[in-house]
């Protein structure tokens, strides 16, 4: 066999191995509950918890009303199943239990936004970014709120850039970078500067 054929076979083999490796790694569990839905261009998320799972969590919570971990699980289940009013209620409890934690405050903001309580969501996310300025998820969700609910591209751009400064290699970083480019294009269109 010629060196050219051997080189070609090696290159094809390496490419195949890389492709399989990339595919397998893409199947990993999300790093946090929102990693699949916090990208600005949301995808069709499939509900991962059934009504029976939620009932079970609710029953467990009745028996352990102060269990923070259980409260958070139930809140995430409500979000996943689009029971946003219930998610708001349960995340309010989580914030009361652990006001020093960033996640329940951001989750409350997400639930409020999803429940169309936009002013309250804005206030909750602003509190979260003020209290936890190094928590990237808070900046990301504030960017999403400004981009898609408040239609404030300037602020959305600012918040997405802040998120990227905190999590430049985060799971959603590529989508955020794409969204930043879309924002810049939208802003150019609004200014009438399309080239």
N, C-alpha and C. Protein backbone atom coordinates (compact mmCIF):
# COMPACT_ATOMS: atom_id res chain seq x y z
N UNK A 1 0.84 -1.17 0.00
CA UNK A 1 0.00 0.00 0.00
C UNK A 1 0.89 1.24 0.00
N UNK A 2 0.46 2.25 -0.68
CA UNK A 2 1.27 3.46 -0.78
C UNK A 2 1.10 4.31 0.48
N UNK A 3 2.08 5.18 0.71
CA UNK A 3 2.03 6.05 1.88
C UNK A 3 0.80 6.96 1.85
N UNK A 4 0.40 7.37 0.67
CA UNK A 4 -0.76 8.23 0.53
C UNK A 4 -2.03 7.51 1.01
N UNK A 5 -2.19 6.23 0.62
CA UNK A 5 -3.37 5.47 1.04
C UNK A 5 -3.36 5.24 2.55
N UNK A 6 -2.20 4.95 3.09
CA UNK A 6 -2.09 4.72 4.53
C UNK A 6 -2.42 6.01 5.28
N UNK A 7 -1.88 7.13 4.80
CA UNK A 7 -2.17 8.42 5.43
C UNK A 7 -3.66 8.72 5.38
N UNK A 8 -4.26 8.45 4.25
CA UNK A 8 -5.69 8.69 4.08
C UNK A 8 -6.50 7.83 5.06
N UNK A 9 -6.14 6.57 5.20
CA UNK A 9 -6.85 5.66 6.11
C UNK A 9 -6.69 6.13 7.56
N UNK A 10 -5.47 6.58 7.92
CA UNK A 10 -5.24 7.07 9.28
C UNK A 10 -6.09 8.31 9.55
N UNK A 11 -6.13 9.24 8.60
CA UNK A 11 -6.92 10.46 8.77
C UNK A 11 -8.40 10.13 8.92
N UNK A 12 -8.90 9.24 8.08
CA UNK A 12 -10.32 8.84 8.16
C UNK A 12 -10.59 8.16 9.50
N UNK A 13 -9.69 7.32 9.95
CA UNK A 13 -9.87 6.63 11.23
C UNK A 13 -9.90 7.62 12.39
N UNK A 14 -8.99 8.57 12.38
CA UNK A 14 -8.96 9.58 13.44
C UNK A 14 -10.23 10.43 13.44
N UNK A 15 -10.68 10.80 12.25
CA UNK A 15 -11.90 11.58 12.14
C UNK A 15 -13.09 10.80 12.69
N UNK A 16 -13.16 9.52 12.36
CA UNK A 16 -14.26 8.67 12.83
C UNK A 16 -14.23 8.56 14.36
N UNK A 17 -13.05 8.34 14.92
CA UNK A 17 -12.92 8.24 16.37
C UNK A 17 -13.34 9.56 17.03
N UNK A 18 -12.89 10.68 16.48
CA UNK A 18 -13.25 11.98 17.02
C UNK A 18 -14.76 12.20 16.96
N UNK A 19 -15.38 11.84 15.85
CA UNK A 19 -16.83 12.02 15.69
C UNK A 19 -17.59 11.18 16.72
N UNK A 20 -17.18 9.95 16.90
CA UNK A 20 -17.85 9.09 17.88
C UNK A 20 -17.65 9.64 19.29
N UNK A 21 -16.43 10.07 19.60
CA UNK A 21 -16.13 10.65 20.90
C UNK A 21 -17.00 11.89 21.16
N UNK A 22 -17.10 12.76 20.17
CA UNK A 22 -17.91 13.98 20.32
C UNK A 22 -19.37 13.63 20.55
N UNK A 23 -19.87 12.65 19.81
CA UNK A 23 -21.27 12.25 19.95
C UNK A 23 -21.54 11.69 21.34
N UNK A 24 -20.67 10.82 21.82
CA UNK A 24 -20.86 10.22 23.13
C UNK A 24 -20.82 11.30 24.21
N UNK A 25 -19.89 12.24 24.11
CA UNK A 25 -19.80 13.31 25.11
C UNK A 25 -21.01 14.23 25.08
N UNK A 26 -21.66 14.35 23.95
CA UNK A 26 -22.84 15.22 23.88
C UNK A 26 -24.03 14.61 24.60
N UNK A 27 -23.96 13.34 24.96
CA UNK A 27 -25.06 12.66 25.62
C UNK A 27 -25.03 12.78 27.15
N UNK A 28 -24.03 13.50 27.68
CA UNK A 28 -23.91 13.60 29.13
C UNK A 28 -25.08 14.37 29.74
N UNK A 29 -25.28 14.17 31.03
CA UNK A 29 -26.32 14.86 31.77
C UNK A 29 -26.03 16.36 31.80
N UNK A 30 -27.05 17.20 31.81
CA UNK A 30 -26.80 18.63 31.91
C UNK A 30 -26.11 18.97 33.23
N UNK A 31 -25.30 20.03 33.22
CA UNK A 31 -24.54 20.45 34.40
C UNK A 31 -25.46 21.03 35.48
N UNK A 32 -26.54 21.66 35.08
CA UNK A 32 -27.51 22.18 36.03
C UNK A 32 -28.88 22.13 35.37
N UNK A 33 -29.88 22.36 36.15
CA UNK A 33 -31.26 22.14 35.70
C UNK A 33 -31.62 22.97 34.48
N UNK A 34 -31.03 24.13 34.30
CA UNK A 34 -31.43 25.03 33.22
C UNK A 34 -30.52 24.97 32.01
N UNK A 35 -29.53 24.12 32.03
CA UNK A 35 -28.55 24.17 30.94
C UNK A 35 -29.17 23.87 29.59
N UNK A 36 -30.30 23.21 29.56
CA UNK A 36 -30.95 22.94 28.29
C UNK A 36 -31.95 24.04 27.90
N UNK A 37 -32.38 24.84 28.90
CA UNK A 37 -33.40 25.82 28.56
C UNK A 37 -32.99 27.27 28.76
N UNK A 38 -31.76 27.49 29.16
CA UNK A 38 -31.39 28.87 29.40
C UNK A 38 -30.70 29.53 28.23
N UNK A 39 -30.52 28.79 27.14
CA UNK A 39 -29.97 29.39 25.95
C UNK A 39 -31.02 30.32 25.36
N UNK A 40 -30.62 31.47 24.86
CA UNK A 40 -31.58 32.42 24.35
C UNK A 40 -32.51 31.88 23.29
N UNK A 41 -32.00 31.04 22.39
CA UNK A 41 -32.86 30.41 21.41
C UNK A 41 -33.27 29.06 21.95
N UNK A 42 -34.31 29.05 22.77
CA UNK A 42 -34.71 27.81 23.44
C UNK A 42 -35.09 26.72 22.46
N UNK A 43 -34.81 25.50 22.84
CA UNK A 43 -35.19 24.36 22.03
C UNK A 43 -36.41 23.72 22.67
N UNK A 44 -37.01 22.81 21.95
CA UNK A 44 -38.18 22.13 22.47
C UNK A 44 -37.71 21.12 23.52
N UNK A 45 -37.87 21.49 24.78
CA UNK A 45 -37.45 20.60 25.86
C UNK A 45 -38.53 19.56 26.10
N UNK A 46 -38.09 18.35 26.33
CA UNK A 46 -39.04 17.30 26.65
C UNK A 46 -39.20 17.23 28.15
N UNK A 47 -40.40 16.99 28.60
CA UNK A 47 -40.66 16.88 30.02
C UNK A 47 -40.02 15.61 30.53
N UNK A 48 -39.18 15.75 31.58
CA UNK A 48 -38.47 14.59 32.06
C UNK A 48 -39.10 14.01 33.33
N UNK A 49 -39.99 14.73 33.96
CA UNK A 49 -40.66 14.20 35.15
C UNK A 49 -42.15 14.09 34.85
N UNK A 50 -42.71 13.01 35.28
CA UNK A 50 -44.13 12.78 35.04
C UNK A 50 -44.95 13.39 36.17
N UNK A 51 -46.25 13.40 35.95
CA UNK A 51 -47.16 13.89 36.99
C UNK A 51 -47.03 13.04 38.25
N UNK A 52 -46.79 11.74 38.07
CA UNK A 52 -46.59 10.85 39.21
C UNK A 52 -45.35 11.21 40.01
N UNK A 53 -44.28 11.58 39.29
CA UNK A 53 -43.05 12.01 39.97
C UNK A 53 -43.31 13.26 40.80
N UNK A 54 -44.05 14.18 40.23
CA UNK A 54 -44.36 15.42 40.94
C UNK A 54 -45.21 15.12 42.17
N UNK A 55 -46.20 14.24 42.03
CA UNK A 55 -47.05 13.87 43.17
C UNK A 55 -46.20 13.28 44.29
N UNK A 56 -45.25 12.43 43.90
CA UNK A 56 -44.36 11.82 44.88
C UNK A 56 -43.53 12.88 45.61
N UNK A 57 -42.98 13.83 44.85
CA UNK A 57 -42.20 14.91 45.47
C UNK A 57 -43.08 15.75 46.39
N UNK A 58 -44.32 16.03 45.97
CA UNK A 58 -45.24 16.81 46.81
C UNK A 58 -45.54 16.08 48.12
N UNK A 59 -45.74 14.76 48.03
CA UNK A 59 -46.00 13.96 49.22
C UNK A 59 -44.79 13.97 50.15
N UNK A 60 -43.61 13.80 49.57
CA UNK A 60 -42.39 13.83 50.38
C UNK A 60 -42.25 15.18 51.07
N UNK A 61 -42.58 16.25 50.37
CA UNK A 61 -42.45 17.59 50.95
C UNK A 61 -43.45 17.81 52.08
N UNK A 62 -44.63 17.21 51.98
CA UNK A 62 -45.60 17.32 53.07
C UNK A 62 -45.03 16.70 54.34
N UNK A 63 -44.27 15.63 54.17
CA UNK A 63 -43.67 14.95 55.32
C UNK A 63 -42.42 15.66 55.83
N UNK A 64 -41.76 16.43 54.97
CA UNK A 64 -40.53 17.15 55.30
C UNK A 64 -40.60 18.58 54.76
N UNK A 65 -41.47 19.43 55.31
CA UNK A 65 -41.71 20.75 54.72
C UNK A 65 -40.51 21.68 54.68
N UNK A 66 -39.49 21.42 55.48
CA UNK A 66 -38.32 22.29 55.49
C UNK A 66 -37.13 21.74 54.72
N UNK A 67 -37.34 20.68 53.96
CA UNK A 67 -36.24 20.04 53.23
C UNK A 67 -35.91 20.85 51.98
N UNK A 68 -34.83 21.62 52.07
CA UNK A 68 -34.43 22.52 50.98
C UNK A 68 -34.17 21.76 49.67
N UNK A 69 -33.47 20.65 49.74
CA UNK A 69 -33.16 19.88 48.54
C UNK A 69 -34.44 19.39 47.87
N UNK A 70 -35.36 18.92 48.66
CA UNK A 70 -36.65 18.45 48.15
C UNK A 70 -37.45 19.61 47.53
N UNK A 71 -37.41 20.76 48.16
CA UNK A 71 -38.10 21.94 47.63
C UNK A 71 -37.52 22.30 46.26
N UNK A 72 -36.21 22.30 46.15
CA UNK A 72 -35.57 22.63 44.87
C UNK A 72 -35.92 21.61 43.78
N UNK A 73 -35.92 20.34 44.14
CA UNK A 73 -36.29 19.29 43.17
C UNK A 73 -37.72 19.51 42.67
N UNK A 74 -38.61 19.79 43.60
CA UNK A 74 -40.00 20.02 43.23
C UNK A 74 -40.14 21.26 42.36
N UNK A 75 -39.43 22.31 42.72
CA UNK A 75 -39.47 23.53 41.90
C UNK A 75 -38.99 23.28 40.48
N UNK A 76 -37.90 22.54 40.35
CA UNK A 76 -37.39 22.21 39.02
C UNK A 76 -38.37 21.33 38.24
N UNK A 77 -39.02 20.41 38.96
CA UNK A 77 -40.03 19.56 38.31
C UNK A 77 -41.20 20.41 37.80
N UNK A 78 -41.62 21.38 38.61
CA UNK A 78 -42.69 22.28 38.17
C UNK A 78 -42.25 23.06 36.93
N UNK A 79 -41.03 23.57 36.93
CA UNK A 79 -40.54 24.30 35.75
C UNK A 79 -40.54 23.40 34.52
N UNK A 80 -40.01 22.19 34.68
CA UNK A 80 -39.92 21.26 33.55
C UNK A 80 -41.30 20.93 32.99
N UNK A 81 -42.31 20.92 33.85
CA UNK A 81 -43.67 20.57 33.43
C UNK A 81 -44.55 21.78 33.20
N UNK A 82 -43.93 22.95 33.13
CA UNK A 82 -44.60 24.21 32.82
C UNK A 82 -45.72 24.54 33.80
N UNK A 83 -45.53 24.19 35.05
CA UNK A 83 -46.44 24.56 36.12
C UNK A 83 -45.81 25.77 36.83
N UNK A 84 -45.83 26.89 36.11
CA UNK A 84 -45.03 28.04 36.52
C UNK A 84 -45.53 28.71 37.80
N UNK A 85 -46.83 28.79 38.00
CA UNK A 85 -47.35 29.40 39.22
C UNK A 85 -46.90 28.60 40.45
N UNK A 86 -46.94 27.29 40.34
CA UNK A 86 -46.48 26.43 41.44
C UNK A 86 -44.97 26.58 41.63
N UNK A 87 -44.24 26.72 40.54
CA UNK A 87 -42.79 26.91 40.64
C UNK A 87 -42.47 28.22 41.37
N UNK A 88 -43.22 29.28 41.07
CA UNK A 88 -43.02 30.55 41.75
C UNK A 88 -43.20 30.37 43.25
N UNK A 89 -44.30 29.73 43.62
CA UNK A 89 -44.61 29.52 45.04
C UNK A 89 -43.51 28.72 45.75
N UNK A 90 -43.05 27.65 45.13
CA UNK A 90 -42.07 26.78 45.79
C UNK A 90 -40.69 27.45 45.85
N UNK A 91 -40.32 28.20 44.81
CA UNK A 91 -39.02 28.87 44.86
C UNK A 91 -39.03 30.03 45.85
N UNK A 92 -40.19 30.63 46.09
CA UNK A 92 -40.27 31.64 47.15
C UNK A 92 -39.92 31.00 48.51
N UNK A 93 -40.41 29.77 48.73
CA UNK A 93 -40.08 29.06 49.96
C UNK A 93 -38.57 28.78 50.03
N UNK A 94 -38.00 28.38 48.91
CA UNK A 94 -36.57 28.07 48.87
C UNK A 94 -35.74 29.32 49.20
N UNK A 95 -36.15 30.46 48.67
CA UNK A 95 -35.43 31.72 48.94
C UNK A 95 -35.55 32.07 50.43
N UNK A 96 -36.71 31.84 51.01
CA UNK A 96 -36.89 32.11 52.44
C UNK A 96 -35.99 31.20 53.28
N UNK A 97 -35.88 29.93 52.87
CA UNK A 97 -35.05 28.99 53.61
C UNK A 97 -33.56 29.28 53.47
N UNK A 98 -33.13 29.65 52.26
CA UNK A 98 -31.70 29.85 52.00
C UNK A 98 -31.48 31.16 51.24
N UNK A 99 -31.67 32.29 51.90
CA UNK A 99 -31.47 33.57 51.22
C UNK A 99 -30.02 33.82 50.82
N UNK A 100 -29.10 33.07 51.39
CA UNK A 100 -27.68 33.22 51.06
C UNK A 100 -27.27 32.39 49.85
N UNK A 101 -28.21 31.69 49.24
CA UNK A 101 -27.94 30.87 48.06
C UNK A 101 -28.41 31.58 46.79
N UNK A 102 -27.61 31.52 45.75
CA UNK A 102 -27.95 32.18 44.48
C UNK A 102 -28.99 31.41 43.68
N UNK A 103 -28.87 30.09 43.64
CA UNK A 103 -29.73 29.29 42.75
C UNK A 103 -31.22 29.50 42.97
N UNK A 104 -31.74 29.46 44.21
CA UNK A 104 -33.19 29.64 44.35
C UNK A 104 -33.66 31.03 43.93
N UNK A 105 -32.81 32.03 44.11
CA UNK A 105 -33.20 33.38 43.69
C UNK A 105 -33.29 33.48 42.18
N UNK A 106 -32.34 32.87 41.49
CA UNK A 106 -32.38 32.88 40.02
C UNK A 106 -33.55 32.02 39.53
N UNK A 107 -33.75 30.88 40.17
CA UNK A 107 -34.87 30.02 39.77
C UNK A 107 -36.21 30.72 39.98
N UNK A 108 -36.31 31.51 41.04
CA UNK A 108 -37.53 32.29 41.26
C UNK A 108 -37.72 33.28 40.11
N UNK A 109 -36.64 33.93 39.69
CA UNK A 109 -36.72 34.85 38.56
C UNK A 109 -37.17 34.15 37.28
N UNK A 110 -36.65 32.96 37.06
CA UNK A 110 -37.04 32.18 35.87
C UNK A 110 -38.51 31.82 35.94
N UNK A 111 -38.96 31.33 37.11
CA UNK A 111 -40.37 30.95 37.26
C UNK A 111 -41.29 32.15 37.08
N UNK A 112 -40.90 33.29 37.63
CA UNK A 112 -41.70 34.50 37.46
C UNK A 112 -41.78 34.91 35.99
N UNK A 113 -40.64 34.84 35.29
CA UNK A 113 -40.63 35.18 33.86
C UNK A 113 -41.53 34.24 33.08
N UNK A 114 -41.42 32.95 33.37
CA UNK A 114 -42.24 31.97 32.66
C UNK A 114 -43.73 32.13 33.00
N UNK A 115 -44.01 32.64 34.19
CA UNK A 115 -45.39 32.86 34.61
C UNK A 115 -45.90 34.23 34.17
N UNK A 116 -45.13 34.91 33.33
CA UNK A 116 -45.47 36.21 32.76
C UNK A 116 -45.58 37.32 33.80
N UNK A 117 -44.85 37.17 34.89
CA UNK A 117 -44.76 38.21 35.92
C UNK A 117 -43.42 38.92 35.68
N UNK A 118 -43.38 39.68 34.62
CA UNK A 118 -42.12 40.22 34.10
C UNK A 118 -41.47 41.22 35.06
N UNK A 119 -42.25 42.13 35.63
CA UNK A 119 -41.66 43.11 36.55
C UNK A 119 -41.07 42.43 37.78
N UNK A 120 -41.79 41.43 38.31
CA UNK A 120 -41.29 40.70 39.48
C UNK A 120 -40.05 39.89 39.11
N UNK A 121 -40.04 39.32 37.91
CA UNK A 121 -38.87 38.55 37.45
C UNK A 121 -37.65 39.46 37.35
N UNK A 122 -37.86 40.64 36.80
CA UNK A 122 -36.77 41.61 36.67
C UNK A 122 -36.21 41.98 38.05
N UNK A 123 -37.10 42.23 38.99
CA UNK A 123 -36.66 42.58 40.34
C UNK A 123 -35.89 41.43 40.98
N UNK A 124 -36.40 40.21 40.84
CA UNK A 124 -35.73 39.04 41.43
C UNK A 124 -34.35 38.82 40.82
N UNK A 125 -34.25 38.94 39.51
CA UNK A 125 -32.95 38.72 38.86
C UNK A 125 -31.98 39.87 39.15
N UNK A 126 -32.49 41.08 39.26
CA UNK A 126 -31.61 42.20 39.65
C UNK A 126 -31.07 41.99 41.06
N UNK A 127 -31.94 41.50 41.97
CA UNK A 127 -31.47 41.20 43.33
C UNK A 127 -30.40 40.11 43.30
N UNK A 128 -30.62 39.11 42.47
CA UNK A 128 -29.66 37.99 42.38
C UNK A 128 -28.31 38.47 41.86
N UNK A 129 -28.32 39.31 40.82
CA UNK A 129 -27.03 39.79 40.29
C UNK A 129 -26.34 40.72 41.28
N UNK A 130 -27.12 41.47 42.05
CA UNK A 130 -26.52 42.36 43.04
C UNK A 130 -25.94 41.56 44.21
N UNK A 131 -26.68 40.55 44.66
CA UNK A 131 -26.23 39.75 45.79
C UNK A 131 -25.13 38.75 45.42
N UNK A 132 -25.19 38.26 44.18
CA UNK A 132 -24.26 37.21 43.74
C UNK A 132 -23.65 37.60 42.39
N UNK A 133 -22.83 38.63 42.35
CA UNK A 133 -22.33 39.14 41.06
C UNK A 133 -21.45 38.16 40.29
N UNK A 134 -20.95 37.13 40.95
CA UNK A 134 -20.09 36.15 40.27
C UNK A 134 -20.87 34.93 39.80
N UNK A 135 -22.17 34.91 39.99
CA UNK A 135 -23.00 33.76 39.60
C UNK A 135 -23.51 33.99 38.18
N UNK A 136 -22.88 33.34 37.23
CA UNK A 136 -23.16 33.57 35.81
C UNK A 136 -24.59 33.35 35.39
N UNK A 137 -25.24 32.36 35.96
CA UNK A 137 -26.62 32.04 35.60
C UNK A 137 -27.55 33.24 35.81
N UNK A 138 -27.29 34.02 36.84
CA UNK A 138 -28.13 35.20 37.10
C UNK A 138 -28.02 36.19 35.95
N UNK A 139 -26.80 36.43 35.47
CA UNK A 139 -26.59 37.37 34.36
C UNK A 139 -27.21 36.81 33.07
N UNK A 140 -27.07 35.51 32.88
CA UNK A 140 -27.65 34.89 31.69
C UNK A 140 -29.16 35.07 31.67
N UNK A 141 -29.81 34.77 32.78
CA UNK A 141 -31.27 34.87 32.82
C UNK A 141 -31.74 36.32 32.72
N UNK A 142 -30.96 37.24 33.25
CA UNK A 142 -31.29 38.67 33.10
C UNK A 142 -31.17 39.07 31.64
N UNK A 143 -30.19 38.52 30.95
CA UNK A 143 -30.05 38.76 29.51
C UNK A 143 -31.23 38.21 28.73
N UNK A 144 -31.65 37.00 29.06
CA UNK A 144 -32.79 36.38 28.38
C UNK A 144 -34.05 37.22 28.60
N UNK A 145 -34.27 37.65 29.83
CA UNK A 145 -35.43 38.47 30.14
C UNK A 145 -35.44 39.77 29.34
N UNK A 146 -34.30 40.43 29.28
CA UNK A 146 -34.21 41.69 28.54
C UNK A 146 -34.34 41.47 27.04
N UNK A 147 -33.76 40.42 26.53
CA UNK A 147 -33.80 40.17 25.09
C UNK A 147 -35.21 39.81 24.61
N UNK A 148 -35.84 38.88 25.30
CA UNK A 148 -37.07 38.31 24.77
C UNK A 148 -38.36 38.83 25.39
N UNK A 149 -38.29 39.31 26.61
CA UNK A 149 -39.50 39.82 27.24
C UNK A 149 -39.57 41.34 27.23
N UNK A 150 -38.46 41.99 27.55
CA UNK A 150 -38.44 43.45 27.61
C UNK A 150 -38.02 44.09 26.30
N UNK A 151 -37.49 43.27 25.39
CA UNK A 151 -37.05 43.75 24.06
C UNK A 151 -36.02 44.87 24.19
N UNK A 152 -35.14 44.74 25.17
CA UNK A 152 -34.10 45.73 25.38
C UNK A 152 -32.76 45.10 24.96
N UNK A 153 -32.44 45.27 23.69
CA UNK A 153 -31.23 44.63 23.15
C UNK A 153 -29.95 45.15 23.79
N UNK A 154 -29.91 46.43 24.10
CA UNK A 154 -28.70 47.00 24.68
C UNK A 154 -28.37 46.34 26.02
N UNK A 155 -29.37 46.23 26.88
CA UNK A 155 -29.14 45.59 28.17
C UNK A 155 -28.89 44.10 28.01
N UNK A 156 -29.62 43.46 27.12
CA UNK A 156 -29.40 42.02 26.89
C UNK A 156 -27.96 41.77 26.47
N UNK A 157 -27.46 42.59 25.57
CA UNK A 157 -26.08 42.47 25.11
C UNK A 157 -25.12 42.61 26.29
N UNK A 158 -25.35 43.60 27.11
CA UNK A 158 -24.51 43.84 28.28
C UNK A 158 -24.51 42.63 29.23
N UNK A 159 -25.69 42.08 29.49
CA UNK A 159 -25.80 40.96 30.43
C UNK A 159 -25.22 39.67 29.86
N UNK A 160 -25.44 39.44 28.56
CA UNK A 160 -24.85 38.25 27.94
C UNK A 160 -23.32 38.34 27.95
N UNK A 161 -22.79 39.53 27.73
CA UNK A 161 -21.34 39.70 27.76
C UNK A 161 -20.80 39.48 29.17
N UNK A 162 -21.54 39.92 30.17
CA UNK A 162 -21.14 39.68 31.56
C UNK A 162 -21.13 38.18 31.85
N UNK A 163 -22.17 37.49 31.39
CA UNK A 163 -22.22 36.04 31.56
C UNK A 163 -20.98 35.38 30.95
N UNK A 164 -20.65 35.78 29.72
CA UNK A 164 -19.49 35.18 29.05
C UNK A 164 -18.18 35.51 29.76
N UNK A 165 -18.11 36.67 30.39
CA UNK A 165 -16.88 36.99 31.14
C UNK A 165 -16.73 36.08 32.35
N UNK A 166 -17.85 35.61 32.90
CA UNK A 166 -17.81 34.71 34.05
C UNK A 166 -17.70 33.24 33.66
N UNK A 167 -18.32 32.88 32.53
CA UNK A 167 -18.34 31.49 32.09
C UNK A 167 -18.00 31.39 30.60
N UNK A 168 -16.77 31.77 30.24
CA UNK A 168 -16.42 31.80 28.81
C UNK A 168 -16.43 30.43 28.14
N UNK A 169 -16.30 29.38 28.92
CA UNK A 169 -16.31 28.03 28.34
C UNK A 169 -17.50 27.22 28.83
N UNK A 170 -18.52 27.90 29.31
CA UNK A 170 -19.71 27.22 29.80
C UNK A 170 -20.44 26.50 28.68
N UNK A 171 -21.30 25.60 29.08
CA UNK A 171 -22.04 24.77 28.13
C UNK A 171 -22.86 25.61 27.15
N UNK A 172 -23.39 26.72 27.61
CA UNK A 172 -24.23 27.55 26.74
C UNK A 172 -23.46 28.69 26.07
N UNK A 173 -22.17 28.80 26.35
CA UNK A 173 -21.38 29.91 25.79
C UNK A 173 -21.48 30.03 24.27
N UNK A 174 -21.41 28.93 23.50
CA UNK A 174 -21.53 29.08 22.04
C UNK A 174 -22.88 29.68 21.61
N UNK A 175 -23.97 29.25 22.26
CA UNK A 175 -25.28 29.80 21.91
C UNK A 175 -25.36 31.28 22.28
N UNK A 176 -24.75 31.65 23.40
CA UNK A 176 -24.78 33.04 23.82
C UNK A 176 -24.00 33.91 22.83
N UNK A 177 -22.88 33.40 22.38
CA UNK A 177 -22.09 34.15 21.39
C UNK A 177 -22.89 34.35 20.11
N UNK A 178 -23.62 33.32 19.68
CA UNK A 178 -24.48 33.44 18.50
C UNK A 178 -25.57 34.48 18.73
N UNK A 179 -26.15 34.44 19.92
CA UNK A 179 -27.22 35.40 20.23
C UNK A 179 -26.68 36.82 20.26
N UNK A 180 -25.49 37.00 20.75
CA UNK A 180 -24.87 38.33 20.75
C UNK A 180 -24.73 38.84 19.33
N UNK A 181 -24.34 37.97 18.41
CA UNK A 181 -24.24 38.39 17.00
C UNK A 181 -25.61 38.76 16.44
N UNK A 182 -26.64 38.01 16.81
CA UNK A 182 -28.01 38.34 16.35
C UNK A 182 -28.45 39.70 16.92
N UNK A 183 -28.11 39.94 18.18
CA UNK A 183 -28.46 41.22 18.80
C UNK A 183 -27.78 42.36 18.05
N UNK A 184 -26.51 42.19 17.76
CA UNK A 184 -25.77 43.23 17.05
C UNK A 184 -26.39 43.49 15.68
N UNK A 185 -26.80 42.43 15.00
CA UNK A 185 -27.47 42.60 13.69
C UNK A 185 -28.80 43.32 13.85
N UNK A 186 -29.57 42.94 14.87
CA UNK A 186 -30.85 43.60 15.12
C UNK A 186 -30.65 45.09 15.43
N UNK A 187 -29.62 45.39 16.19
CA UNK A 187 -29.35 46.78 16.54
C UNK A 187 -28.93 47.57 15.29
N UNK A 188 -28.19 46.93 14.40
CA UNK A 188 -27.81 47.62 13.16
C UNK A 188 -29.04 47.86 12.29
N UNK A 189 -29.95 46.88 12.25
CA UNK A 189 -31.18 47.05 11.47
C UNK A 189 -32.00 48.21 12.03
N UNK A 190 -32.09 48.29 13.35
CA UNK A 190 -32.85 49.37 13.98
C UNK A 190 -32.24 50.73 13.68
N UNK A 191 -30.92 50.77 13.56
CA UNK A 191 -30.24 52.02 13.26
C UNK A 191 -30.20 52.30 11.77
N UNK A 192 -30.66 51.33 10.96
CA UNK A 192 -30.64 51.49 9.50
C UNK A 192 -29.25 51.44 8.91
N UNK A 193 -28.37 50.66 9.53
CA UNK A 193 -26.97 50.63 9.10
C UNK A 193 -26.63 49.25 8.50
N UNK A 194 -27.57 48.52 7.98
CA UNK A 194 -27.29 47.20 7.41
C UNK A 194 -26.35 47.35 6.25
N UNK A 195 -25.29 46.56 6.26
CA UNK A 195 -24.30 46.62 5.18
C UNK A 195 -24.34 45.38 4.34
